[in-house]
């Protein structure tokens, strides 16, 4: 029988729990969740987009992205309006308050990521990020919400 704590899926799930906990702790002053941050960052990177495109870029399912965006809209961080080309779709716009929140929260987000990687040396952290990227990219099609046409870092 395999030890649960030696299974890669279990370890990744545990690391995800830790990552979310650190993010929420560091970003508490901004009332910001990892999914909200992802949606705001996607809008910052790709500009006004429909909800489906935001879901594709962030690897969120459509229901989750709709809920996240509704929450952000209630807070005045994004604006949604019916698309001019497709009445069934909503175009989402990053509002100035959303841009300001992203800018103000950036140090806290960076601190959460640094805390997560703190047990590793710089080389180990780079290697981990490279390996996680490879795992995510090469198994993307197996995801229930795969990334589609995401902008790639330079």
N, C-alpha and C. Protein backbone atom coordinates (compact mmCIF):
# COMPACT_ATOMS: atom_id res chain seq x y z
N UNK A 1 0.86 -1.19 0.00
CA UNK A 1 0.00 0.00 0.00
C UNK A 1 0.89 1.24 0.00
N UNK A 2 0.54 2.20 -0.83
CA UNK A 2 1.32 3.42 -0.94
C UNK A 2 0.97 4.38 0.18
N UNK A 3 1.98 4.99 0.76
CA UNK A 3 1.78 6.00 1.79
C UNK A 3 1.11 7.21 1.15
N UNK A 4 -0.02 7.62 1.71
CA UNK A 4 -0.76 8.77 1.20
C UNK A 4 0.13 9.99 1.05
N UNK A 5 1.00 10.20 2.01
CA UNK A 5 1.84 11.40 2.04
C UNK A 5 3.01 11.33 1.07
N UNK A 6 3.09 10.25 0.31
CA UNK A 6 4.11 10.14 -0.74
C UNK A 6 3.50 10.26 -2.13
N UNK A 7 2.19 10.41 -2.20
CA UNK A 7 1.52 10.52 -3.49
C UNK A 7 1.62 11.96 -4.01
N UNK A 8 2.05 12.15 -5.25
CA UNK A 8 2.20 13.51 -5.77
C UNK A 8 0.90 14.32 -5.75
N UNK A 9 -0.21 13.69 -6.07
CA UNK A 9 -1.48 14.42 -6.06
C UNK A 9 -1.83 14.92 -4.67
N UNK A 10 -1.60 14.10 -3.65
CA UNK A 10 -1.86 14.51 -2.27
C UNK A 10 -0.95 15.67 -1.87
N UNK A 11 0.32 15.57 -2.23
CA UNK A 11 1.27 16.62 -1.87
C UNK A 11 0.93 17.93 -2.59
N UNK A 12 0.52 17.84 -3.83
CA UNK A 12 0.13 19.05 -4.56
C UNK A 12 -1.12 19.66 -3.92
N UNK A 13 -2.07 18.83 -3.52
CA UNK A 13 -3.28 19.34 -2.84
C UNK A 13 -2.90 20.02 -1.54
N UNK A 14 -2.01 19.43 -0.78
CA UNK A 14 -1.56 20.04 0.49
C UNK A 14 -0.86 21.37 0.22
N UNK A 15 0.00 21.39 -0.78
CA UNK A 15 0.69 22.65 -1.12
C UNK A 15 -0.31 23.71 -1.57
N UNK A 16 -1.35 23.29 -2.28
CA UNK A 16 -2.40 24.24 -2.68
C UNK A 16 -3.09 24.81 -1.44
N UNK A 17 -3.42 23.96 -0.48
CA UNK A 17 -4.04 24.43 0.75
C UNK A 17 -3.15 25.46 1.45
N UNK A 18 -1.89 25.16 1.52
CA UNK A 18 -0.92 26.06 2.16
C UNK A 18 -0.83 27.36 1.37
N UNK A 19 -0.76 27.26 0.07
CA UNK A 19 -0.67 28.45 -0.79
C UNK A 19 -1.88 29.36 -0.59
N UNK A 20 -3.07 28.79 -0.58
CA UNK A 20 -4.29 29.58 -0.38
C UNK A 20 -4.27 30.22 1.01
N UNK A 21 -3.89 29.45 2.02
CA UNK A 21 -3.82 29.98 3.38
C UNK A 21 -2.87 31.16 3.49
N UNK A 22 -1.69 31.03 2.89
CA UNK A 22 -0.72 32.12 2.91
C UNK A 22 -1.23 33.34 2.15
N UNK A 23 -1.85 33.11 1.01
CA UNK A 23 -2.41 34.21 0.21
C UNK A 23 -3.46 34.95 1.02
N UNK A 24 -4.40 34.22 1.61
CA UNK A 24 -5.47 34.86 2.37
C UNK A 24 -4.92 35.63 3.57
N UNK A 25 -3.91 35.08 4.21
CA UNK A 25 -3.27 35.75 5.35
C UNK A 25 -2.61 37.06 4.91
N UNK A 26 -1.80 36.99 3.88
CA UNK A 26 -1.04 38.16 3.44
C UNK A 26 -1.94 39.21 2.79
N UNK A 27 -3.05 38.78 2.17
CA UNK A 27 -3.92 39.70 1.44
C UNK A 27 -5.20 40.03 2.20
N UNK A 28 -5.25 39.70 3.48
CA UNK A 28 -6.46 39.94 4.28
C UNK A 28 -6.88 41.41 4.25
N UNK A 29 -5.93 42.32 4.30
CA UNK A 29 -6.25 43.76 4.31
C UNK A 29 -6.94 44.21 3.03
N UNK A 30 -6.81 43.41 1.97
CA UNK A 30 -7.38 43.78 0.68
C UNK A 30 -8.67 43.02 0.37
N UNK A 31 -9.07 42.11 1.28
CA UNK A 31 -10.27 41.29 1.07
C UNK A 31 -10.22 40.66 -0.31
N UNK A 32 -9.11 39.98 -0.57
CA UNK A 32 -8.83 39.45 -1.90
C UNK A 32 -8.53 37.96 -1.82
N UNK A 33 -9.19 37.17 -2.67
CA UNK A 33 -8.93 35.73 -2.74
C UNK A 33 -8.02 35.44 -3.93
N UNK A 34 -7.41 34.27 -3.96
CA UNK A 34 -6.58 33.92 -5.12
C UNK A 34 -7.36 33.94 -6.44
N UNK A 35 -8.60 33.48 -6.44
CA UNK A 35 -9.38 33.48 -7.68
C UNK A 35 -9.72 34.90 -8.12
N UNK A 36 -10.04 35.76 -7.17
CA UNK A 36 -10.32 37.15 -7.52
C UNK A 36 -9.07 37.81 -8.09
N UNK A 37 -7.93 37.55 -7.46
CA UNK A 37 -6.67 38.10 -7.95
C UNK A 37 -6.40 37.62 -9.38
N UNK A 38 -6.62 36.33 -9.62
CA UNK A 38 -6.40 35.78 -10.96
C UNK A 38 -7.28 36.46 -12.00
N UNK A 39 -8.54 36.67 -11.67
CA UNK A 39 -9.46 37.32 -12.62
C UNK A 39 -9.03 38.76 -12.88
N UNK A 40 -8.67 39.48 -11.83
CA UNK A 40 -8.23 40.86 -12.01
C UNK A 40 -6.94 40.93 -12.83
N UNK A 41 -5.99 40.05 -12.53
CA UNK A 41 -4.73 40.04 -13.29
C UNK A 41 -4.97 39.68 -14.75
N UNK A 42 -5.88 38.74 -14.99
CA UNK A 42 -6.19 38.37 -16.37
C UNK A 42 -6.73 39.58 -17.12
N UNK A 43 -7.64 40.31 -16.50
CA UNK A 43 -8.18 41.51 -17.15
C UNK A 43 -7.11 42.56 -17.38
N UNK A 44 -6.19 42.68 -16.44
CA UNK A 44 -5.10 43.63 -16.61
C UNK A 44 -4.23 43.24 -17.80
N UNK A 45 -3.99 41.94 -17.97
CA UNK A 45 -3.11 41.45 -19.03
C UNK A 45 -3.78 41.42 -20.40
N UNK A 46 -5.05 41.01 -20.47
CA UNK A 46 -5.68 40.81 -21.77
C UNK A 46 -6.66 41.91 -22.14
N UNK A 47 -6.97 42.78 -21.20
CA UNK A 47 -7.90 43.86 -21.47
C UNK A 47 -9.35 43.38 -21.40
N UNK A 48 -10.30 44.27 -21.73
CA UNK A 48 -11.72 43.89 -21.67
C UNK A 48 -11.96 42.60 -22.44
N UNK A 49 -12.66 41.70 -21.79
CA UNK A 49 -12.89 40.36 -22.37
C UNK A 49 -14.22 39.82 -21.92
N UNK A 50 -14.70 38.84 -22.66
CA UNK A 50 -15.91 38.18 -22.20
C UNK A 50 -15.55 37.18 -21.12
N UNK A 51 -16.57 36.76 -20.39
CA UNK A 51 -16.35 35.86 -19.24
C UNK A 51 -15.74 34.54 -19.67
N UNK A 52 -16.10 34.05 -20.84
CA UNK A 52 -15.55 32.78 -21.31
C UNK A 52 -14.05 32.90 -21.51
N UNK A 53 -13.61 34.00 -22.09
CA UNK A 53 -12.16 34.21 -22.30
C UNK A 53 -11.42 34.29 -20.96
N UNK A 54 -12.02 34.96 -19.99
CA UNK A 54 -11.39 35.04 -18.66
C UNK A 54 -11.30 33.65 -18.04
N UNK A 55 -12.35 32.85 -18.20
CA UNK A 55 -12.33 31.47 -17.70
C UNK A 55 -11.22 30.68 -18.37
N UNK A 56 -11.06 30.85 -19.68
CA UNK A 56 -10.03 30.11 -20.42
C UNK A 56 -8.62 30.51 -19.99
N UNK A 57 -8.39 31.78 -19.77
CA UNK A 57 -7.06 32.27 -19.40
C UNK A 57 -6.69 31.89 -17.96
N UNK A 58 -7.68 31.86 -17.08
CA UNK A 58 -7.41 31.59 -15.66
C UNK A 58 -7.61 30.13 -15.27
N UNK A 59 -8.09 29.32 -16.19
CA UNK A 59 -8.38 27.91 -15.91
C UNK A 59 -9.45 27.75 -14.83
N UNK A 60 -10.43 28.65 -14.84
CA UNK A 60 -11.59 28.52 -13.95
C UNK A 60 -12.75 28.01 -14.79
N UNK A 61 -13.65 27.26 -14.16
CA UNK A 61 -14.84 26.87 -14.90
C UNK A 61 -15.76 28.09 -15.01
N UNK A 62 -16.68 28.03 -15.95
CA UNK A 62 -17.51 29.19 -16.28
C UNK A 62 -18.37 29.64 -15.10
N UNK A 63 -18.88 28.69 -14.32
CA UNK A 63 -19.70 29.05 -13.16
C UNK A 63 -18.87 29.78 -12.12
N UNK A 64 -17.68 29.27 -11.85
CA UNK A 64 -16.80 29.90 -10.87
C UNK A 64 -16.42 31.30 -11.31
N UNK A 65 -16.02 31.47 -12.57
CA UNK A 65 -15.61 32.80 -13.03
C UNK A 65 -16.79 33.76 -12.98
N UNK A 66 -17.99 33.31 -13.29
CA UNK A 66 -19.16 34.18 -13.21
C UNK A 66 -19.39 34.64 -11.77
N UNK A 67 -19.24 33.74 -10.81
CA UNK A 67 -19.41 34.09 -9.40
C UNK A 67 -18.32 35.04 -8.93
N UNK A 68 -17.08 34.77 -9.32
CA UNK A 68 -15.95 35.63 -8.94
C UNK A 68 -16.17 37.04 -9.50
N UNK A 69 -16.55 37.12 -10.77
CA UNK A 69 -16.75 38.42 -11.40
C UNK A 69 -17.95 39.16 -10.80
N UNK A 70 -18.99 38.45 -10.44
CA UNK A 70 -20.14 39.09 -9.79
C UNK A 70 -19.70 39.71 -8.46
N UNK A 71 -18.88 39.01 -7.72
CA UNK A 71 -18.37 39.54 -6.45
C UNK A 71 -17.51 40.77 -6.69
N UNK A 72 -16.63 40.69 -7.67
CA UNK A 72 -15.76 41.84 -7.99
C UNK A 72 -16.59 43.03 -8.48
N UNK A 73 -17.65 42.76 -9.22
CA UNK A 73 -18.51 43.83 -9.70
C UNK A 73 -19.23 44.51 -8.53
N UNK A 74 -19.73 43.73 -7.57
CA UNK A 74 -20.39 44.30 -6.40
C UNK A 74 -19.45 45.24 -5.64
N UNK A 75 -18.16 44.94 -5.70
CA UNK A 75 -17.17 45.77 -5.01
C UNK A 75 -16.68 46.94 -5.87
N UNK A 76 -17.18 47.04 -7.09
CA UNK A 76 -16.80 48.14 -7.97
C UNK A 76 -15.42 47.98 -8.59
N UNK A 77 -14.91 46.75 -8.61
CA UNK A 77 -13.56 46.49 -9.13
C UNK A 77 -13.58 46.16 -10.62
N UNK A 78 -14.69 45.62 -11.10
CA UNK A 78 -14.88 45.36 -12.52
C UNK A 78 -16.28 45.83 -12.89
N UNK A 79 -16.49 45.98 -14.18
CA UNK A 79 -17.81 46.31 -14.71
C UNK A 79 -18.13 45.31 -15.79
N UNK A 80 -19.36 44.77 -15.75
CA UNK A 80 -19.80 43.84 -16.79
C UNK A 80 -20.94 44.49 -17.56
N UNK A 81 -20.89 44.32 -18.86
CA UNK A 81 -22.00 44.82 -19.68
C UNK A 81 -22.26 43.82 -20.80
N UNK A 82 -23.48 43.82 -21.26
CA UNK A 82 -23.84 42.93 -22.36
C UNK A 82 -22.99 43.29 -23.57
N UNK A 83 -22.44 42.25 -24.20
CA UNK A 83 -21.58 42.44 -25.37
C UNK A 83 -22.34 43.10 -26.50
N UNK A 84 -21.65 43.97 -27.22
CA UNK A 84 -22.26 44.63 -28.36
C UNK A 84 -22.39 43.69 -29.55
N UNK A 85 -21.60 42.61 -29.57
CA UNK A 85 -21.62 41.69 -30.70
C UNK A 85 -22.39 40.40 -30.41
N UNK A 86 -22.59 40.08 -29.13
CA UNK A 86 -23.30 38.85 -28.75
C UNK A 86 -24.10 39.13 -27.49
N UNK A 87 -25.40 39.30 -27.64
CA UNK A 87 -26.27 39.67 -26.51
C UNK A 87 -26.28 38.62 -25.40
N UNK A 88 -25.81 37.41 -25.69
CA UNK A 88 -25.76 36.36 -24.66
C UNK A 88 -24.51 36.47 -23.79
N UNK A 89 -23.52 37.22 -24.25
CA UNK A 89 -22.24 37.31 -23.56
C UNK A 89 -22.12 38.64 -22.82
N UNK A 90 -21.27 38.64 -21.80
CA UNK A 90 -20.97 39.86 -21.06
C UNK A 90 -19.50 40.18 -21.23
N UNK A 91 -19.22 41.44 -21.53
CA UNK A 91 -17.85 41.91 -21.60
C UNK A 91 -17.50 42.48 -20.23
N UNK A 92 -16.31 42.16 -19.76
CA UNK A 92 -15.88 42.58 -18.43
C UNK A 92 -14.75 43.58 -18.59
N UNK A 93 -14.85 44.66 -17.83
CA UNK A 93 -13.86 45.74 -17.86
C UNK A 93 -13.25 45.90 -16.48
N UNK A 94 -11.95 46.01 -16.41
CA UNK A 94 -11.26 46.32 -15.16
C UNK A 94 -11.51 47.79 -14.85
N UNK A 95 -12.05 48.08 -13.68
CA UNK A 95 -12.32 49.44 -13.27
C UNK A 95 -11.08 50.05 -12.61
N UNK A 96 -11.00 51.37 -12.53
CA UNK A 96 -9.86 52.00 -11.86
C UNK A 96 -9.65 51.48 -10.44
N UNK A 97 -10.73 51.22 -9.71
CA UNK A 97 -10.60 50.68 -8.35
C UNK A 97 -9.96 49.30 -8.37
N UNK A 98 -10.26 48.51 -9.39
CA UNK A 98 -9.64 47.19 -9.53
C UNK A 98 -8.16 47.29 -9.83
N UNK A 99 -7.80 48.22 -10.70
CA UNK A 99 -6.39 48.45 -11.02
C UNK A 99 -5.64 48.92 -9.77
N UNK A 100 -6.25 49.82 -9.03
CA UNK A 100 -5.63 50.32 -7.79
C UNK A 100 -5.45 49.19 -6.78
N UNK A 101 -6.47 48.34 -6.66
CA UNK A 101 -6.36 47.20 -5.73
C UNK A 101 -5.21 46.29 -6.14
N UNK A 102 -5.11 45.99 -7.42
CA UNK A 102 -4.00 45.16 -7.90
C UNK A 102 -2.65 45.77 -7.53
N UNK A 103 -2.51 47.06 -7.76
CA UNK A 103 -1.26 47.74 -7.46
C UNK A 103 -0.97 47.73 -5.95
N UNK A 104 -1.99 48.02 -5.14
CA UNK A 104 -1.81 48.06 -3.69
C UNK A 104 -1.55 46.69 -3.08
N UNK A 105 -2.14 45.65 -3.68
CA UNK A 105 -2.01 44.30 -3.13
C UNK A 105 -0.75 43.59 -3.63
N UNK A 106 -0.07 44.12 -4.62
CA UNK A 106 1.04 43.40 -5.24
C UNK A 106 2.12 42.99 -4.24
N UNK A 107 2.48 43.86 -3.32
CA UNK A 107 3.52 43.51 -2.34
C UNK A 107 3.06 42.34 -1.46
N UNK A 108 1.78 42.33 -1.09
CA UNK A 108 1.26 41.23 -0.27
C UNK A 108 1.22 39.92 -1.06
N UNK A 109 0.83 40.00 -2.33
CA UNK A 109 0.81 38.80 -3.18
C UNK A 109 2.23 38.26 -3.34
N UNK A 110 3.17 39.14 -3.59
CA UNK A 110 4.58 38.73 -3.72
C UNK A 110 5.08 38.11 -2.43
N UNK A 111 4.70 38.70 -1.29
CA UNK A 111 5.11 38.16 0.01
C UNK A 111 4.54 36.76 0.25
N UNK A 112 3.29 36.54 -0.17
CA UNK A 112 2.68 35.21 -0.02
C UNK A 112 3.43 34.18 -0.85
N UNK A 113 3.78 34.56 -2.08
CA UNK A 113 4.51 33.63 -2.95
C UNK A 113 5.91 33.35 -2.40
N UNK A 114 6.56 34.38 -1.89
CA UNK A 114 7.90 34.20 -1.30
C UNK A 114 7.85 33.31 -0.08
N UNK A 115 6.82 33.50 0.76
CA UNK A 115 6.67 32.67 1.97
C UNK A 115 6.46 31.21 1.58
N UNK A 116 5.68 30.98 0.54
CA UNK A 116 5.44 29.61 0.08
C UNK A 116 6.74 28.93 -0.33
N UNK A 117 7.60 29.67 -1.01
CA UNK A 117 8.86 29.10 -1.52
C UNK A 117 10.02 29.23 -0.53
N UNK A 118 9.77 29.82 0.62
CA UNK A 118 10.82 30.08 1.61
C UNK A 118 11.66 28.86 1.99
N UNK A 119 11.07 27.66 2.08
CA UNK A 119 11.89 26.49 2.45
C UNK A 119 12.93 26.10 1.39
N UNK A 120 12.83 26.68 0.20
CA UNK A 120 13.70 26.29 -0.91
C UNK A 120 14.77 27.33 -1.16
N UNK A 121 15.90 26.88 -1.70
CA UNK A 121 16.91 27.82 -2.18
C UNK A 121 16.38 28.47 -3.46
N UNK A 122 17.04 29.51 -3.91
CA UNK A 122 16.62 30.18 -5.15
C UNK A 122 16.64 29.22 -6.33
N UNK A 123 17.69 28.39 -6.41
CA UNK A 123 17.77 27.41 -7.50
C UNK A 123 16.66 26.38 -7.41
N UNK A 124 16.38 25.92 -6.19
CA UNK A 124 15.31 24.93 -6.00
C UNK A 124 13.95 25.54 -6.36
N UNK A 125 13.73 26.79 -5.98
CA UNK A 125 12.47 27.47 -6.30
C UNK A 125 12.30 27.58 -7.81
N UNK A 126 13.36 27.96 -8.50
CA UNK A 126 13.31 28.04 -9.96
C UNK A 126 13.01 26.67 -10.57
N UNK A 127 13.66 25.64 -10.03
CA UNK A 127 13.43 24.29 -10.54
C UNK A 127 11.99 23.85 -10.28
N UNK A 128 11.49 24.12 -9.08
CA UNK A 128 10.11 23.75 -8.76
C UNK A 128 9.14 24.44 -9.71
N UNK A 129 9.31 25.73 -9.92
CA UNK A 129 8.42 26.46 -10.83
C UNK A 129 8.48 25.91 -12.25
N UNK A 130 9.68 25.56 -12.68
CA UNK A 130 9.84 24.96 -14.00
C UNK A 130 9.12 23.62 -14.09
N UNK A 131 9.28 22.80 -13.08
CA UNK A 131 8.63 21.48 -13.08
C UNK A 131 7.11 21.59 -12.97
N UNK A 132 6.63 22.49 -12.12
CA UNK A 132 5.18 22.67 -12.00
C UNK A 132 4.58 23.19 -13.31
N UNK A 133 5.28 24.10 -13.96
CA UNK A 133 4.83 24.60 -15.26
C UNK A 133 4.75 23.47 -16.26
N UNK A 134 5.76 22.64 -16.27
CA UNK A 134 5.77 21.50 -17.20
C UNK A 134 4.63 20.53 -16.92
N UNK A 135 4.41 20.22 -15.65
CA UNK A 135 3.31 19.32 -15.29
C UNK A 135 1.98 19.93 -15.73
N UNK A 136 1.78 21.22 -15.42
CA UNK A 136 0.52 21.88 -15.77
C UNK A 136 0.33 21.95 -17.29
N UNK A 137 1.38 22.33 -18.00
CA UNK A 137 1.28 22.46 -19.46
C UNK A 137 1.04 21.11 -20.14
N UNK A 138 1.79 20.11 -19.74
CA UNK A 138 1.69 18.81 -20.42
C UNK A 138 0.45 18.02 -20.03
N UNK A 139 -0.19 18.39 -18.92
CA UNK A 139 -1.42 17.72 -18.51
C UNK A 139 -2.64 18.64 -18.63
N UNK A 140 -2.48 19.76 -19.31
CA UNK A 140 -3.55 20.74 -19.42
C UNK A 140 -4.84 20.12 -19.93
N UNK A 141 -4.77 19.28 -20.91
CA UNK A 141 -5.97 18.69 -21.51
C UNK A 141 -6.74 17.81 -20.53
N UNK A 142 -6.08 17.32 -19.50
CA UNK A 142 -6.74 16.47 -18.51
C UNK A 142 -7.53 17.27 -17.47
N UNK A 143 -7.38 18.59 -17.50
CA UNK A 143 -8.05 19.45 -16.52
C UNK A 143 -9.53 19.59 -16.86
N UNK A 144 -10.34 19.74 -15.83
CA UNK A 144 -11.76 20.01 -16.04
C UNK A 144 -11.96 21.44 -16.54
N UNK A 145 -10.96 22.30 -16.32
CA UNK A 145 -10.99 23.68 -16.80
C UNK A 145 -9.61 24.02 -17.35
N UNK A 146 -9.30 23.53 -18.54
CA UNK A 146 -7.96 23.77 -19.08
C UNK A 146 -7.72 25.23 -19.44
N UNK A 147 -6.45 25.62 -19.40
CA UNK A 147 -6.06 26.94 -19.87
C UNK A 147 -6.12 26.90 -21.39
N UNK A 148 -6.67 27.96 -21.97
CA UNK A 148 -6.73 28.06 -23.43
C UNK A 148 -6.20 29.42 -23.83
N UNK A 149 -5.21 29.41 -24.71
CA UNK A 149 -4.69 30.66 -25.29
C UNK A 149 -4.29 31.68 -24.24
N UNK A 150 -3.66 31.23 -23.18
CA UNK A 150 -3.22 32.16 -22.14
C UNK A 150 -1.99 32.93 -22.61
N UNK A 151 -1.91 34.19 -22.19
CA UNK A 151 -0.67 34.92 -22.48
C UNK A 151 0.48 34.28 -21.71
N UNK A 152 1.61 34.17 -22.31
CA UNK A 152 2.78 33.54 -21.67
C UNK A 152 3.72 34.62 -21.17
N UNK A 153 4.33 34.37 -20.00
CA UNK A 153 5.30 35.36 -19.52
C UNK A 153 6.48 35.44 -20.46
N UNK A 154 7.09 36.63 -20.53
CA UNK A 154 8.24 36.83 -21.41
C UNK A 154 9.47 36.14 -20.88
